[in-house]
Amino acid sequence: MAVPKRRKTSSRRDQRRMHLFLKSPVLTYCPKCKKPVKPHTVCLNCGYYNNREVIDVLGKLTKKERKKREKEMKVSEKKEKAEKPLTMEELSKKA
């Protein structure tokens, strides 16, 4: 039976195991609701992909959950409008 001539050092062992680790998942953010989403997949929160509604997320919810989700979406849209930078036309207008 074959037996190793020399002991493998911890450095050699660690170099061999260099590629054996968990990689963190690659995430992007949904342009509509700003939630983290895997790339090239439909957002499960709002149902949008590529700026189009693909899944009717609100259709599957109960009435109470639907109201809550609609309220969240309105708040996020208001926040998005508030954070929107001013255009040159808006900046040039006199107050």
N, C-alpha and C. Protein backbone atom coordinates (compact mmCIF):
# COMPACT_ATOMS: atom_id res chain seq x y z
N MET A 1 0.84 -1.19 0.00
CA MET A 1 0.00 0.00 0.00
C MET A 1 0.88 1.24 0.00
N ALA A 2 0.51 2.26 -0.74
CA ALA A 2 1.31 3.47 -0.86
C ALA A 2 1.21 4.31 0.40
N VAL A 3 2.36 4.84 0.81
CA VAL A 3 2.43 5.69 1.99
C VAL A 3 3.19 6.95 1.60
N PRO A 4 2.75 8.14 2.05
CA PRO A 4 3.47 9.36 1.69
C PRO A 4 4.88 9.39 2.28
N LYS A 5 5.85 9.85 1.48
CA LYS A 5 7.23 9.92 1.96
C LYS A 5 7.39 11.01 3.01
N ARG A 6 6.76 12.14 2.77
CA ARG A 6 6.88 13.26 3.70
C ARG A 6 5.50 13.73 4.13
N ARG A 7 5.48 14.35 5.28
CA ARG A 7 4.23 14.91 5.80
C ARG A 7 3.86 16.15 5.00
N LYS A 8 2.58 16.28 4.66
CA LYS A 8 2.11 17.50 3.98
C LYS A 8 2.06 18.62 5.01
N THR A 9 2.66 19.75 4.68
CA THR A 9 2.65 20.88 5.61
C THR A 9 1.28 21.54 5.61
N SER A 10 1.03 22.33 6.64
CA SER A 10 -0.25 23.04 6.73
C SER A 10 -0.39 24.02 5.58
N SER A 11 0.72 24.58 5.12
CA SER A 11 0.68 25.51 4.00
C SER A 11 0.22 24.81 2.72
N ARG A 12 0.77 23.63 2.45
CA ARG A 12 0.37 22.86 1.26
C ARG A 12 -1.10 22.46 1.36
N ARG A 13 -1.49 22.02 2.55
CA ARG A 13 -2.88 21.61 2.76
C ARG A 13 -3.82 22.79 2.50
N ASP A 14 -3.47 23.97 3.03
CA ASP A 14 -4.32 25.15 2.88
C ASP A 14 -4.37 25.62 1.42
N GLN A 15 -3.24 25.50 0.71
CA GLN A 15 -3.24 25.87 -0.70
C GLN A 15 -4.15 24.96 -1.51
N ARG A 16 -4.18 23.69 -1.15
CA ARG A 16 -5.04 22.74 -1.85
C ARG A 16 -6.51 23.07 -1.61
N ARG A 17 -6.82 23.53 -0.42
CA ARG A 17 -8.21 23.83 -0.06
C ARG A 17 -8.63 25.25 -0.40
N MET A 18 -7.79 25.97 -1.08
CA MET A 18 -8.03 27.39 -1.34
C MET A 18 -9.36 27.65 -2.04
N HIS A 19 -9.77 26.79 -2.95
CA HIS A 19 -11.01 27.02 -3.69
C HIS A 19 -12.23 26.43 -3.00
N LEU A 20 -12.07 25.79 -1.86
CA LEU A 20 -13.19 25.17 -1.16
C LEU A 20 -13.73 26.13 -0.11
N PHE A 21 -14.53 27.07 -0.53
CA PHE A 21 -15.14 28.00 0.41
C PHE A 21 -16.48 28.44 -0.14
N LEU A 22 -17.32 28.99 0.71
CA LEU A 22 -18.64 29.46 0.29
C LEU A 22 -18.50 30.85 -0.29
N LYS A 23 -19.08 31.04 -1.45
CA LYS A 23 -19.05 32.36 -2.08
C LYS A 23 -20.31 33.11 -1.70
N SER A 24 -20.18 34.40 -1.45
CA SER A 24 -21.36 35.20 -1.13
C SER A 24 -22.19 35.39 -2.40
N PRO A 25 -23.50 35.34 -2.28
CA PRO A 25 -24.34 35.46 -3.48
C PRO A 25 -24.25 36.85 -4.09
N VAL A 26 -24.28 36.90 -5.40
CA VAL A 26 -24.25 38.18 -6.12
C VAL A 26 -25.67 38.73 -6.14
N LEU A 27 -25.85 39.95 -5.66
CA LEU A 27 -27.17 40.56 -5.61
C LEU A 27 -27.14 41.92 -6.28
N THR A 28 -28.25 42.25 -6.92
CA THR A 28 -28.46 43.58 -7.45
C THR A 28 -29.69 44.13 -6.74
N TYR A 29 -30.07 45.35 -7.06
CA TYR A 29 -31.23 45.95 -6.41
C TYR A 29 -32.32 46.21 -7.44
N CYS A 30 -33.54 45.92 -7.05
CA CYS A 30 -34.69 46.13 -7.92
C CYS A 30 -34.84 47.63 -8.16
N PRO A 31 -34.95 48.07 -9.41
CA PRO A 31 -35.09 49.51 -9.66
C PRO A 31 -36.43 50.07 -9.19
N LYS A 32 -37.43 49.23 -9.03
CA LYS A 32 -38.76 49.70 -8.63
C LYS A 32 -38.87 49.83 -7.11
N CYS A 33 -38.52 48.75 -6.38
CA CYS A 33 -38.74 48.75 -4.92
C CYS A 33 -37.45 48.79 -4.12
N LYS A 34 -36.30 48.74 -4.77
CA LYS A 34 -34.98 48.86 -4.13
C LYS A 34 -34.65 47.71 -3.19
N LYS A 35 -35.28 46.56 -3.37
CA LYS A 35 -34.97 45.38 -2.56
C LYS A 35 -33.88 44.57 -3.26
N PRO A 36 -33.02 43.86 -2.49
CA PRO A 36 -32.00 43.04 -3.14
C PRO A 36 -32.62 41.85 -3.88
N VAL A 37 -32.12 41.61 -5.10
CA VAL A 37 -32.66 40.57 -5.97
C VAL A 37 -31.49 39.91 -6.70
N LYS A 38 -31.61 38.61 -6.97
CA LYS A 38 -30.61 37.95 -7.81
C LYS A 38 -30.70 38.53 -9.21
N PRO A 39 -29.57 38.67 -9.91
CA PRO A 39 -29.61 39.23 -11.26
C PRO A 39 -30.41 38.35 -12.22
N HIS A 40 -31.08 38.99 -13.16
CA HIS A 40 -31.85 38.33 -14.22
C HIS A 40 -33.00 37.49 -13.67
N THR A 41 -33.59 37.92 -12.56
CA THR A 41 -34.76 37.23 -12.02
C THR A 41 -35.83 38.26 -11.69
N VAL A 42 -37.06 37.80 -11.59
CA VAL A 42 -38.18 38.66 -11.25
C VAL A 42 -38.09 39.01 -9.78
N CYS A 43 -38.38 40.25 -9.44
CA CYS A 43 -38.41 40.68 -8.04
C CYS A 43 -39.65 40.07 -7.38
N LEU A 44 -39.45 39.32 -6.32
CA LEU A 44 -40.58 38.67 -5.65
C LEU A 44 -41.37 39.65 -4.80
N ASN A 45 -40.80 40.81 -4.51
CA ASN A 45 -41.51 41.79 -3.70
C ASN A 45 -42.53 42.57 -4.52
N CYS A 46 -42.13 43.05 -5.70
CA CYS A 46 -43.04 43.88 -6.51
C CYS A 46 -43.48 43.20 -7.80
N GLY A 47 -42.82 42.12 -8.23
CA GLY A 47 -43.21 41.39 -9.43
C GLY A 47 -42.72 41.99 -10.72
N TYR A 48 -41.76 42.90 -10.67
CA TYR A 48 -41.25 43.55 -11.88
C TYR A 48 -39.94 42.91 -12.33
N TYR A 49 -39.77 42.89 -13.66
CA TYR A 49 -38.51 42.49 -14.27
C TYR A 49 -38.33 43.32 -15.53
N ASN A 50 -37.17 43.93 -15.67
CA ASN A 50 -36.84 44.74 -16.84
C ASN A 50 -37.87 45.85 -17.04
N ASN A 51 -38.26 46.50 -15.95
CA ASN A 51 -39.21 47.62 -15.92
C ASN A 51 -40.59 47.25 -16.44
N ARG A 52 -40.96 45.98 -16.36
CA ARG A 52 -42.30 45.53 -16.73
C ARG A 52 -42.84 44.65 -15.61
N GLU A 53 -44.14 44.72 -15.37
CA GLU A 53 -44.75 43.86 -14.36
C GLU A 53 -44.97 42.48 -14.97
N VAL A 54 -44.30 41.49 -14.41
CA VAL A 54 -44.37 40.13 -14.92
C VAL A 54 -45.32 39.30 -14.07
N ILE A 55 -45.29 39.52 -12.76
CA ILE A 55 -46.13 38.77 -11.83
C ILE A 55 -47.04 39.75 -11.11
N ASP A 56 -48.32 39.40 -11.02
CA ASP A 56 -49.24 40.22 -10.24
C ASP A 56 -49.14 39.76 -8.79
N VAL A 57 -48.26 40.41 -8.04
CA VAL A 57 -47.99 40.01 -6.66
C VAL A 57 -49.21 40.27 -5.78
N LEU A 58 -49.91 41.36 -6.03
CA LEU A 58 -51.04 41.71 -5.17
C LEU A 58 -52.23 40.78 -5.39
N GLY A 59 -52.32 40.12 -6.53
CA GLY A 59 -53.45 39.24 -6.82
C GLY A 59 -53.50 38.02 -5.92
N LYS A 60 -52.36 37.56 -5.44
CA LYS A 60 -52.30 36.36 -4.63
C LYS A 60 -52.49 36.64 -3.14
N LEU A 61 -52.47 37.90 -2.75
CA LEU A 61 -52.54 38.25 -1.34
C LEU A 61 -53.98 38.38 -0.86
N THR A 62 -54.15 38.28 0.45
CA THR A 62 -55.47 38.53 1.03
C THR A 62 -55.70 40.03 1.05
N LYS A 63 -56.93 40.42 1.37
CA LYS A 63 -57.29 41.84 1.33
C LYS A 63 -56.44 42.66 2.30
N LYS A 64 -56.22 42.13 3.49
CA LYS A 64 -55.44 42.84 4.51
C LYS A 64 -53.98 42.99 4.06
N GLU A 65 -53.40 41.91 3.57
CA GLU A 65 -52.01 41.95 3.11
C GLU A 65 -51.86 42.88 1.90
N ARG A 66 -52.87 42.88 1.01
CA ARG A 66 -52.83 43.72 -0.18
C ARG A 66 -52.78 45.20 0.21
N LYS A 67 -53.64 45.59 1.19
CA LYS A 67 -53.65 46.99 1.64
C LYS A 67 -52.29 47.37 2.21
N LYS A 68 -51.73 46.48 3.00
CA LYS A 68 -50.43 46.75 3.63
C LYS A 68 -49.35 46.92 2.56
N ARG A 69 -49.33 46.04 1.56
CA ARG A 69 -48.33 46.09 0.49
C ARG A 69 -48.49 47.35 -0.35
N GLU A 70 -49.75 47.73 -0.66
CA GLU A 70 -49.99 48.94 -1.44
C GLU A 70 -49.50 50.17 -0.69
N LYS A 71 -49.71 50.18 0.61
CA LYS A 71 -49.26 51.30 1.43
C LYS A 71 -47.73 51.39 1.39
N GLU A 72 -47.06 50.25 1.52
CA GLU A 72 -45.59 50.23 1.46
C GLU A 72 -45.09 50.75 0.12
N MET A 73 -45.76 50.34 -0.96
CA MET A 73 -45.33 50.77 -2.29
C MET A 73 -45.52 52.27 -2.47
N LYS A 74 -46.62 52.83 -1.95
CA LYS A 74 -46.84 54.27 -2.05
C LYS A 74 -45.77 55.04 -1.30
N VAL A 75 -45.43 54.55 -0.10
CA VAL A 75 -44.40 55.22 0.70
C VAL A 75 -43.06 55.18 -0.02
N SER A 76 -42.72 54.03 -0.61
CA SER A 76 -41.44 53.93 -1.30
C SER A 76 -41.41 54.82 -2.55
N GLU A 77 -42.55 54.95 -3.25
CA GLU A 77 -42.60 55.83 -4.42
C GLU A 77 -42.46 57.29 -4.02
N LYS A 78 -43.09 57.68 -2.90
CA LYS A 78 -42.95 59.06 -2.42
C LYS A 78 -41.50 59.35 -2.06
N LYS A 79 -40.87 58.39 -1.39
CA LYS A 79 -39.48 58.57 -0.99
C LYS A 79 -38.58 58.68 -2.22
N GLU A 80 -38.89 57.90 -3.25
CA GLU A 80 -38.11 57.93 -4.48
C GLU A 80 -38.23 59.29 -5.16
N LYS A 81 -39.44 59.85 -5.18
CA LYS A 81 -39.65 61.17 -5.78
C LYS A 81 -38.93 62.25 -4.99
N ALA A 82 -38.92 62.13 -3.66
CA ALA A 82 -38.26 63.12 -2.82
C ALA A 82 -36.74 63.09 -3.03
N GLU A 83 -36.18 61.91 -3.25
CA GLU A 83 -34.74 61.77 -3.42
C GLU A 83 -34.28 62.10 -4.84
N LYS A 84 -35.22 62.25 -5.75
CA LYS A 84 -34.88 62.49 -7.15
C LYS A 84 -34.13 63.83 -7.27
N PRO A 85 -32.96 63.84 -7.93
CA PRO A 85 -32.21 65.09 -8.06
C PRO A 85 -32.94 66.07 -8.98
N LEU A 86 -32.72 67.35 -8.74
CA LEU A 86 -33.37 68.39 -9.53
C LEU A 86 -32.74 68.47 -10.92
N THR A 87 -33.57 68.72 -11.91
CA THR A 87 -33.08 68.89 -13.27
C THR A 87 -32.60 70.32 -13.45
N MET A 88 -31.97 70.59 -14.58
CA MET A 88 -31.47 71.94 -14.85
C MET A 88 -32.62 72.93 -14.95
N GLU A 89 -33.76 72.51 -15.51
CA GLU A 89 -34.91 73.40 -15.64
C GLU A 89 -35.47 73.77 -14.26
N GLU A 90 -35.53 72.78 -13.36
CA GLU A 90 -36.05 73.04 -12.02
C GLU A 90 -35.11 73.95 -11.24
N LEU A 91 -33.81 73.77 -11.46
CA LEU A 91 -32.83 74.61 -10.77
C LEU A 91 -32.88 76.05 -11.26
N SER A 92 -33.16 76.24 -12.54
CA SER A 92 -33.15 77.59 -13.12
C SER A 92 -34.41 78.39 -12.79
N LYS A 93 -35.47 77.70 -12.35
CA LYS A 93 -36.71 78.41 -12.01
C LYS A 93 -36.50 79.26 -10.76
N LYS A 94 -37.11 80.44 -10.76
CA LYS A 94 -37.03 81.30 -9.58
C LYS A 94 -38.13 80.90 -8.62
N ALA A 95 -37.80 80.88 -7.35
CA ALA A 95 -38.76 80.45 -6.34
C ALA A 95 -39.79 81.49 -6.02
